[in-house]
């Protein structure tokens, strides 16, 4: 597996990705895998209900979609859904948000993510 990752990274970064970088990456991936596995075993079961929605499906006159969703969720949905998965809210060029332009930004029309947490 390490060789395959090295080959991909060499192609992407032109050989500037060193063995030290690779070892750090592998260590982080292994650590993340353990953590994810522990959390899944601890938190997911047949009683979970997941809401999957586009980030821009909730609208109000006063707020952008993400803050609107946040308010609506806490008022009406929090007692029903144990998890929320928001479909793409990055800046995009086409394909309803799946052709992402910048994975480090939130689409300005969606609103910001300050104050949000990945866990409850």
N, C-alpha and C. Protein backbone atom coordinates (compact mmCIF):
# COMPACT_ATOMS: atom_id res chain seq x y z
N UNK A 1 0.81 -1.19 0.00
CA UNK A 1 0.00 0.00 0.00
C UNK A 1 0.87 1.26 0.00
N UNK A 2 1.96 1.25 0.76
CA UNK A 2 2.83 2.42 0.82
C UNK A 2 3.38 2.77 -0.56
N UNK A 3 3.73 1.77 -1.35
CA UNK A 3 4.27 2.04 -2.68
C UNK A 3 3.22 2.70 -3.57
N UNK A 4 1.99 2.23 -3.47
CA UNK A 4 0.92 2.81 -4.27
C UNK A 4 0.70 4.28 -3.89
N UNK A 5 0.68 4.55 -2.59
CA UNK A 5 0.53 5.93 -2.12
C UNK A 5 1.70 6.77 -2.59
N UNK A 6 2.91 6.25 -2.47
CA UNK A 6 4.11 6.96 -2.92
C UNK A 6 4.02 7.29 -4.40
N UNK A 7 3.60 6.34 -5.20
CA UNK A 7 3.47 6.57 -6.65
C UNK A 7 2.47 7.69 -6.94
N UNK A 8 1.33 7.66 -6.26
CA UNK A 8 0.32 8.71 -6.47
C UNK A 8 0.87 10.07 -6.06
N UNK A 9 1.51 10.14 -4.90
CA UNK A 9 2.01 11.41 -4.41
C UNK A 9 3.17 11.93 -5.25
N UNK A 10 4.01 11.04 -5.76
CA UNK A 10 5.07 11.47 -6.68
C UNK A 10 4.47 12.09 -7.93
N UNK A 11 3.40 11.49 -8.41
CA UNK A 11 2.75 12.03 -9.61
C UNK A 11 2.13 13.40 -9.32
N UNK A 12 1.52 13.53 -8.15
CA UNK A 12 0.87 14.80 -7.80
C UNK A 12 1.89 15.88 -7.45
N UNK A 13 2.89 15.55 -6.62
CA UNK A 13 3.81 16.54 -6.09
C UNK A 13 5.17 16.55 -6.77
N UNK A 14 5.35 15.73 -7.78
CA UNK A 14 6.59 15.76 -8.54
C UNK A 14 7.82 15.35 -7.77
N UNK A 15 7.72 14.40 -6.87
CA UNK A 15 8.88 13.90 -6.16
C UNK A 15 9.28 14.69 -4.94
N UNK A 16 8.53 15.72 -4.57
CA UNK A 16 8.88 16.51 -3.38
C UNK A 16 8.34 15.90 -2.10
N UNK A 17 7.52 14.88 -2.22
CA UNK A 17 6.96 14.18 -1.07
C UNK A 17 7.96 13.13 -0.64
N UNK A 18 8.57 13.31 0.54
CA UNK A 18 9.67 12.44 0.98
C UNK A 18 9.17 11.23 1.77
N UNK A 19 10.09 10.33 2.07
CA UNK A 19 9.77 9.16 2.88
C UNK A 19 9.29 9.58 4.27
N UNK A 20 9.85 10.65 4.79
CA UNK A 20 9.43 11.17 6.10
C UNK A 20 7.98 11.63 6.03
N UNK A 21 7.65 12.36 4.95
CA UNK A 21 6.26 12.78 4.76
C UNK A 21 5.33 11.57 4.68
N UNK A 22 5.76 10.57 3.94
CA UNK A 22 4.95 9.36 3.78
C UNK A 22 4.70 8.69 5.13
N UNK A 23 5.74 8.57 5.93
CA UNK A 23 5.58 7.92 7.23
C UNK A 23 4.62 8.71 8.12
N UNK A 24 4.72 10.03 8.10
CA UNK A 24 3.79 10.86 8.88
C UNK A 24 2.35 10.67 8.38
N UNK A 25 2.18 10.62 7.07
CA UNK A 25 0.86 10.42 6.49
C UNK A 25 0.28 9.06 6.89
N UNK A 26 1.07 8.02 6.76
CA UNK A 26 0.62 6.67 7.12
C UNK A 26 0.26 6.60 8.60
N UNK A 27 1.08 7.20 9.45
CA UNK A 27 0.80 7.22 10.89
C UNK A 27 -0.52 7.91 11.18
N UNK A 28 -0.75 9.05 10.52
CA UNK A 28 -2.01 9.78 10.73
C UNK A 28 -3.21 8.99 10.21
N UNK A 29 -3.04 8.35 9.05
CA UNK A 29 -4.13 7.55 8.50
C UNK A 29 -4.48 6.38 9.42
N UNK A 30 -3.46 5.71 9.93
CA UNK A 30 -3.70 4.59 10.84
C UNK A 30 -4.37 5.06 12.13
N UNK A 31 -3.93 6.20 12.64
CA UNK A 31 -4.53 6.76 13.84
C UNK A 31 -6.00 7.14 13.59
N UNK A 32 -6.26 7.77 12.45
CA UNK A 32 -7.63 8.15 12.10
C UNK A 32 -8.51 6.92 11.94
N UNK A 33 -7.97 5.89 11.34
CA UNK A 33 -8.74 4.65 11.16
C UNK A 33 -9.14 4.06 12.51
N UNK A 34 -8.19 4.03 13.45
CA UNK A 34 -8.50 3.50 14.78
C UNK A 34 -9.58 4.34 15.47
N UNK A 35 -9.42 5.66 15.39
CA UNK A 35 -10.37 6.56 16.04
C UNK A 35 -11.76 6.43 15.43
N UNK A 36 -11.83 6.39 14.10
CA UNK A 36 -13.13 6.24 13.43
C UNK A 36 -13.78 4.92 13.80
N UNK A 37 -13.00 3.87 13.82
CA UNK A 37 -13.54 2.55 14.18
C UNK A 37 -14.07 2.56 15.61
N UNK A 38 -13.33 3.17 16.52
CA UNK A 38 -13.77 3.24 17.92
C UNK A 38 -15.07 4.03 18.03
N UNK A 39 -15.14 5.16 17.34
CA UNK A 39 -16.34 6.00 17.41
C UNK A 39 -17.55 5.30 16.79
N UNK A 40 -17.35 4.63 15.68
CA UNK A 40 -18.46 3.92 15.05
C UNK A 40 -19.02 2.85 15.98
N UNK A 41 -18.13 2.07 16.58
CA UNK A 41 -18.57 1.02 17.49
C UNK A 41 -19.28 1.62 18.69
N UNK A 42 -18.83 2.78 19.10
CA UNK A 42 -19.37 3.40 20.29
C UNK A 42 -20.67 4.15 20.01
N UNK A 43 -20.82 4.73 18.82
CA UNK A 43 -21.91 5.67 18.59
C UNK A 43 -22.99 5.21 17.60
N UNK A 44 -22.70 4.32 16.69
CA UNK A 44 -23.68 3.95 15.68
C UNK A 44 -24.37 2.65 16.04
N UNK A 45 -25.69 2.66 15.96
CA UNK A 45 -26.44 1.41 16.10
C UNK A 45 -27.77 1.54 15.37
N UNK A 46 -28.63 0.53 15.52
CA UNK A 46 -29.88 0.48 14.76
C UNK A 46 -30.87 1.57 15.16
N UNK A 47 -30.63 2.26 16.25
CA UNK A 47 -31.54 3.32 16.68
C UNK A 47 -31.20 4.68 16.07
N UNK A 48 -30.06 4.80 15.39
CA UNK A 48 -29.67 6.07 14.79
C UNK A 48 -30.54 6.40 13.58
N UNK A 49 -30.83 7.69 13.46
CA UNK A 49 -31.58 8.21 12.32
C UNK A 49 -30.76 9.35 11.75
N UNK A 50 -30.41 9.26 10.46
CA UNK A 50 -29.52 10.23 9.83
C UNK A 50 -30.29 11.08 8.84
N UNK A 51 -30.15 12.40 8.96
CA UNK A 51 -30.70 13.33 7.98
C UNK A 51 -29.60 13.64 6.98
N UNK A 52 -29.86 13.38 5.71
CA UNK A 52 -28.92 13.73 4.64
C UNK A 52 -29.62 14.76 3.77
N UNK A 53 -29.02 15.94 3.67
CA UNK A 53 -29.66 17.02 2.93
C UNK A 53 -28.62 17.93 2.30
N UNK A 54 -29.01 18.62 1.25
CA UNK A 54 -28.15 19.65 0.69
C UNK A 54 -28.10 20.82 1.67
N UNK A 55 -26.97 21.47 1.74
CA UNK A 55 -26.78 22.57 2.68
C UNK A 55 -27.66 23.78 2.35
N UNK A 56 -28.12 23.89 1.11
CA UNK A 56 -28.88 25.07 0.70
C UNK A 56 -30.39 24.83 0.62
N UNK A 57 -30.91 23.82 1.29
CA UNK A 57 -32.33 23.49 1.19
C UNK A 57 -33.21 24.21 2.20
N UNK A 58 -32.63 24.96 3.09
CA UNK A 58 -33.38 25.67 4.12
C UNK A 58 -33.21 27.16 3.90
N UNK A 59 -34.33 27.88 3.76
CA UNK A 59 -34.28 29.29 3.41
C UNK A 59 -35.14 30.12 4.37
N UNK A 60 -34.69 31.35 4.58
CA UNK A 60 -35.48 32.34 5.30
C UNK A 60 -35.14 33.70 4.71
N UNK A 61 -35.94 34.69 5.03
CA UNK A 61 -35.69 36.03 4.49
C UNK A 61 -34.49 36.69 5.14
N UNK A 62 -34.21 36.33 6.38
CA UNK A 62 -33.19 37.03 7.16
C UNK A 62 -31.81 36.40 7.15
N UNK A 63 -31.74 35.08 6.90
CA UNK A 63 -30.47 34.37 7.05
C UNK A 63 -30.11 33.57 5.81
N UNK A 64 -28.83 33.28 5.68
CA UNK A 64 -28.37 32.39 4.62
C UNK A 64 -28.73 30.95 4.99
N UNK A 65 -28.61 30.02 4.04
CA UNK A 65 -29.08 28.65 4.28
C UNK A 65 -28.47 27.92 5.48
N UNK A 66 -27.16 27.98 5.69
CA UNK A 66 -26.58 27.23 6.81
C UNK A 66 -27.07 27.71 8.17
N UNK A 67 -27.07 29.02 8.44
CA UNK A 67 -27.63 29.46 9.72
C UNK A 67 -29.14 29.17 9.84
N UNK A 68 -29.86 29.23 8.71
CA UNK A 68 -31.28 28.89 8.72
C UNK A 68 -31.47 27.43 9.10
N UNK A 69 -30.67 26.56 8.48
CA UNK A 69 -30.75 25.13 8.82
C UNK A 69 -30.43 24.92 10.29
N UNK A 70 -29.41 25.58 10.79
CA UNK A 70 -29.01 25.42 12.18
C UNK A 70 -30.18 25.75 13.12
N UNK A 71 -30.84 26.87 12.87
CA UNK A 71 -31.98 27.24 13.70
C UNK A 71 -33.12 26.22 13.58
N UNK A 72 -33.45 25.86 12.34
CA UNK A 72 -34.54 24.91 12.09
C UNK A 72 -34.24 23.56 12.74
N UNK A 73 -33.01 23.12 12.58
CA UNK A 73 -32.62 21.82 13.16
C UNK A 73 -32.80 21.84 14.67
N UNK A 74 -32.27 22.86 15.33
CA UNK A 74 -32.35 22.89 16.79
C UNK A 74 -33.78 23.05 17.29
N UNK A 75 -34.61 23.73 16.52
CA UNK A 75 -36.00 23.92 16.94
C UNK A 75 -36.87 22.70 16.66
N UNK A 76 -36.69 22.07 15.49
CA UNK A 76 -37.64 21.05 15.06
C UNK A 76 -37.07 19.64 14.86
N UNK A 77 -35.82 19.51 14.55
CA UNK A 77 -35.30 18.22 14.10
C UNK A 77 -34.37 17.51 15.08
N UNK A 78 -33.78 18.23 15.98
CA UNK A 78 -32.76 17.65 16.86
C UNK A 78 -33.27 16.44 17.63
N UNK A 79 -34.51 16.45 18.02
CA UNK A 79 -35.04 15.32 18.79
C UNK A 79 -35.35 14.11 17.92
N UNK A 80 -35.35 14.29 16.60
CA UNK A 80 -35.68 13.20 15.67
C UNK A 80 -34.43 12.55 15.10
N UNK A 81 -33.47 13.37 14.68
CA UNK A 81 -32.28 12.87 13.99
C UNK A 81 -31.08 12.83 14.93
N UNK A 82 -30.37 11.72 14.90
CA UNK A 82 -29.18 11.59 15.73
C UNK A 82 -27.93 12.10 15.03
N UNK A 83 -27.97 12.17 13.69
CA UNK A 83 -26.82 12.62 12.90
C UNK A 83 -27.31 13.41 11.70
N UNK A 84 -26.47 14.35 11.26
CA UNK A 84 -26.76 15.14 10.06
C UNK A 84 -25.58 15.04 9.12
N UNK A 85 -25.86 14.78 7.86
CA UNK A 85 -24.83 14.78 6.81
C UNK A 85 -25.24 15.83 5.79
N UNK A 86 -24.47 16.92 5.72
CA UNK A 86 -24.75 17.97 4.75
C UNK A 86 -24.00 17.67 3.47
N UNK A 87 -24.73 17.61 2.38
CA UNK A 87 -24.11 17.42 1.08
C UNK A 87 -23.39 18.70 0.70
N UNK A 88 -22.57 18.69 -0.34
CA UNK A 88 -21.61 19.77 -0.60
C UNK A 88 -22.12 21.19 -0.38
N UNK A 89 -21.29 21.96 0.33
CA UNK A 89 -21.56 23.38 0.51
C UNK A 89 -20.31 24.19 0.18
N UNK A 90 -19.43 23.59 -0.62
CA UNK A 90 -18.23 24.28 -1.08
C UNK A 90 -18.56 25.08 -2.34
N UNK A 91 -17.72 26.06 -2.69
CA UNK A 91 -17.92 26.73 -3.98
C UNK A 91 -17.81 25.70 -5.11
N UNK A 92 -18.71 25.78 -6.08
CA UNK A 92 -18.75 24.78 -7.14
C UNK A 92 -19.05 25.44 -8.48
N UNK A 93 -18.74 24.73 -9.56
CA UNK A 93 -18.96 25.28 -10.90
C UNK A 93 -20.16 24.65 -11.59
N UNK A 94 -20.49 23.41 -11.26
CA UNK A 94 -21.64 22.73 -11.88
C UNK A 94 -21.97 21.49 -11.06
N UNK A 95 -22.89 20.69 -11.52
CA UNK A 95 -23.21 19.39 -10.92
C UNK A 95 -23.73 19.51 -9.48
N UNK A 96 -24.52 20.56 -9.21
CA UNK A 96 -25.16 20.75 -7.90
C UNK A 96 -24.21 20.63 -6.71
N UNK A 97 -23.01 21.15 -6.85
CA UNK A 97 -22.08 21.18 -5.74
C UNK A 97 -21.04 20.09 -5.71
N UNK A 98 -21.14 19.12 -6.61
CA UNK A 98 -20.18 18.02 -6.60
C UNK A 98 -18.96 18.30 -7.47
N UNK A 99 -18.96 19.40 -8.21
CA UNK A 99 -17.76 19.81 -8.96
C UNK A 99 -17.12 20.95 -8.18
N UNK A 100 -16.48 20.60 -7.10
CA UNK A 100 -15.95 21.56 -6.13
C UNK A 100 -14.78 22.35 -6.71
N UNK A 101 -14.81 23.66 -6.49
CA UNK A 101 -13.73 24.54 -6.92
C UNK A 101 -12.69 24.68 -5.81
N UNK A 102 -13.15 24.79 -4.55
CA UNK A 102 -12.24 25.02 -3.43
C UNK A 102 -12.76 24.30 -2.18
N UNK A 103 -12.06 23.26 -1.77
CA UNK A 103 -12.47 22.47 -0.61
C UNK A 103 -12.19 23.18 0.72
N UNK A 104 -11.53 24.32 0.67
CA UNK A 104 -11.17 25.03 1.90
C UNK A 104 -12.11 26.18 2.21
N UNK A 105 -13.11 26.39 1.38
CA UNK A 105 -14.04 27.51 1.55
C UNK A 105 -15.47 26.99 1.64
N UNK A 106 -16.33 27.79 2.24
CA UNK A 106 -17.76 27.53 2.22
C UNK A 106 -18.34 28.46 1.16
N UNK A 107 -19.24 27.94 0.34
CA UNK A 107 -19.87 28.78 -0.68
C UNK A 107 -20.49 29.99 0.01
N UNK A 108 -20.17 31.19 -0.47
CA UNK A 108 -20.62 32.41 0.18
C UNK A 108 -22.14 32.49 0.29
N UNK A 109 -22.84 31.94 -0.70
CA UNK A 109 -24.30 31.98 -0.65
C UNK A 109 -24.89 31.05 0.41
N UNK A 110 -24.08 30.11 0.93
CA UNK A 110 -24.57 29.18 1.96
C UNK A 110 -24.46 29.78 3.36
N UNK A 111 -23.51 30.68 3.56
CA UNK A 111 -23.27 31.23 4.89
C UNK A 111 -22.04 30.58 5.49
N UNK A 112 -21.66 31.00 6.66
CA UNK A 112 -20.45 30.48 7.28
C UNK A 112 -20.70 29.27 8.15
N UNK A 113 -19.61 28.68 8.63
CA UNK A 113 -19.70 27.52 9.50
C UNK A 113 -19.16 27.80 10.90
N UNK A 114 -18.90 29.05 11.21
CA UNK A 114 -18.40 29.39 12.54
C UNK A 114 -19.43 28.96 13.58
N UNK A 115 -18.95 28.35 14.63
CA UNK A 115 -19.84 27.93 15.70
C UNK A 115 -20.43 26.55 15.53
N UNK A 116 -20.11 25.88 14.43
CA UNK A 116 -20.63 24.53 14.21
C UNK A 116 -19.60 23.53 14.70
N UNK A 117 -20.05 22.37 15.06
CA UNK A 117 -19.18 21.31 15.54
C UNK A 117 -19.50 20.02 14.82
N UNK A 118 -18.48 19.19 14.62
CA UNK A 118 -18.68 17.90 13.97
C UNK A 118 -19.39 16.92 14.88
N UNK A 119 -19.39 17.19 16.16
CA UNK A 119 -20.08 16.30 17.11
C UNK A 119 -20.99 17.12 18.00
N UNK A 120 -21.90 16.44 18.65
CA UNK A 120 -22.80 17.16 19.56
C UNK A 120 -22.22 17.18 20.94
